[in-house]
């Protein structure tokens, strides 16, 4: 056959259904017949296959290619002077579709002429597109799919010539995960099918969900034979969100079998393959599909396409038996003479029937077909550009329309960046994927079973991170199960503040455990992995979600114990002053003048100071009060005991002075008594000064006794200093007790020793018991024990030494005489 011979196509060859001649040819593969069956020839011949059931949606895609090619040919700016043609092939089943693709590549017609395609459009199925590209890639023929969404096809090493105008499932899956994260759906189930699109998408979804801490309760592979167990698993699951990630045909099959099962209260999510198919809605499926959500391809407007589709007539393709068969299906008529069926005229109006083909209310997937044709056209246009004898894009030598080869088209498709007449932007990344834009739609079903698919938001990958998913404001959303609020779907409710989150190795990460924070720790966040220890001066509140300043505790004047001790201290001061007044008003009486009245007044003064000293232990500790209380206590008590010791020695000396030839009193007269008291007291003053200089008492926040409160106390500073002060007091008290004990049998009239013995016995008993009580008492009770010891010992001295004398002065004045004091009274022992 000569090179100049013109090849004219007559009829259809093999799998080709529609064709149009042109200078450059675009191929396309579609599944207009969707089901293939084997014909049994009764062992007389090999079984052969035939196709049944028409997929009118695929016919719509093929017709959209034809419309777009005609639109491009009318455009004077795009491919000027060049006509674009097409070869559109049909096949059912993967095997037939691959044969159709091979036929498109070979380009042999019935007359043996070659008509090579420059690019191939299709297929809708990811699995079929994968097989087709294995044929096209070695030949460097570009393939552009309008619906193959499997993320696996983005692998440029395996599919270098594959492009698509539909977003990769990778973006849809990320969007679904972000949607679940937005509504806090952390626990869901997946229904998938045995197909590349479904299996790859499900595996990818599980990986992405895991990254966001979202868990899958179950994955169910659809099987027509196990629908009951399938439905039971969904109904009994604890998750309230179900993702149906399957192709449209399998989704239609699944829903048709689940109509009779009572599956309610679930929030269904759908993939873009079926989420906009209104024909899936029915009254029986309202309990399933009501409130369903999913990402859909954006709705677009393609001027003129609706009229082109609806004005289609069998006369437009007179050689196509397939068109006639579809027409007969549309209008339930026949082109062959029959007495049973109505005869088809071929002029019937497509607007009177309702199916996927005649649904022109919205164009979603059709827009991808539209963009795919324009993509090839723009690539051809860029390839044919010539400036200064080279191509502006690649810098290579110019080519004319007769020199166009698919590998050159493939090279230019990578750089295409254009906007279609309906405003759609088309360009590709390094993986051959276009920008992903989705509409978030919500199924709002009516009582009659029809549905309004409402756009409630969008997902656009061109937006910055965190802003890709946006929901429309003031848009009503219908939730699954007719709930009036967002469906809750978690394996375990979040751990509230006051608890910590712990992973359970035997369960998914979403099925964690919550443990209450240990004592002294808090968590102030939901799902906190750890509990935080409160600072030393803080303690958790009852809910363990906040650290509160610890209550401070000290012996206060306002509390009952502090009030009582203050009262007793004031009573002691009052009684000491009262005794001083009584003694002062009767200072000339014998009972006052006996046994050195000067020491008696000094003793009363020191007792007053002892009672006042106890008050310094009450109230909030400060630097000065801590130093004052211990030093004042030590010095006043030494002064007090020194006076008692002096009186005891006076009694002994007075008795010795009555003996013949004794001059003892001159060695312990008033001057010596004053000097002894001063000397004993100065020793204690020196001890206290050393204590204050070396390591004085200081206010301290004691947090050891109680975890939930702080004890404000006076720390001793130097324990040696404190015990030195006490030891010195104890030494003087013991000495006084011993001397008084030896003088107890002296004549009563001259004897104060018996009273001093009783007082010192009580004094020593009090301070001996004070030591273990002081060491073991916690917090403010330590201070209370010390105050009690001070008051008890002071009252013992006051009552034992001065009460008998006051009694005689007031109630027995007749005994307050020199005669009575000089009288002989039989001695008594005790």
Foldseek 3Di string as FASTA:
>chain_A
DDPPDDDDFDFDDQFWFDKDDWLAEEEEEEAQFADKDWDDPPPPDDIDIDTDDGDLLRVLLVLLLVVLQVVQQVDCVFPHPTHYMYTYGHDYDLVSRLVRLVCQQQQQGPVRDRRHHLAYEDDQDLQSVLSSQQVCVVVLFAYEYLHNAAPVLLPCVSRVRYFYLAFHLLQQLLVVLVVCVVLVFQEEEEEFEPGRQGVRSVVSNQVNNVVVNHHYPYYHYDDPVCLPVVLVCQQPDQFQEYEYRYAQVVVLVNLVVCLPPPRARHAYEYEQRHPPPQVSWALSCCRPQAFHKGWHFDWFDDPPSLVSLQQDWCVVRVSGPVVQVVVCVQVVAHCDDDPPGHHDPRRDTSCVGDDSSNPPPTDGSSVRSSVRSVLLSVLVSQLQDADPQARPPPRHGHDHSVPNHNNSSSVSSQVDWDADPRGDTDHADPSNGTWHKTFMWTWHADNRRGTDTHGFWMATPVDDPPPRTDGDPPDDGQGTNRDRDRRHGFLDDWAAKQWEWAADPVDRRRNIDIGGADFQWIDQDTNHHHTHHDPQQWGADPSRNDTHGFAEDAAACPDPLNVVLLVLLVVQLVLLVVLLVLCVVVVVFQVCPALHVPLVNQLSVLLNLLSVLLNLRHDFDAFVSQLSSLLSNLLSLQLNLLSLLLSLVSLVQVVQCPDPPDPSCVVNDPVNSVVSSVVSSVVSVVLSVVQCVPFAWGWDFDCPPDVRHTFTHTHRRDPVSSVVSVVSSLVSLVVSLVSLVVQQQPFPLNHLSVLSNQLSVQLNVLVVVLVVQLVPDDGNVNSSSVSCSSSRSSVSNCCSRRVVVVCCVPPVVVCRHPVNSPDTDDTDDD
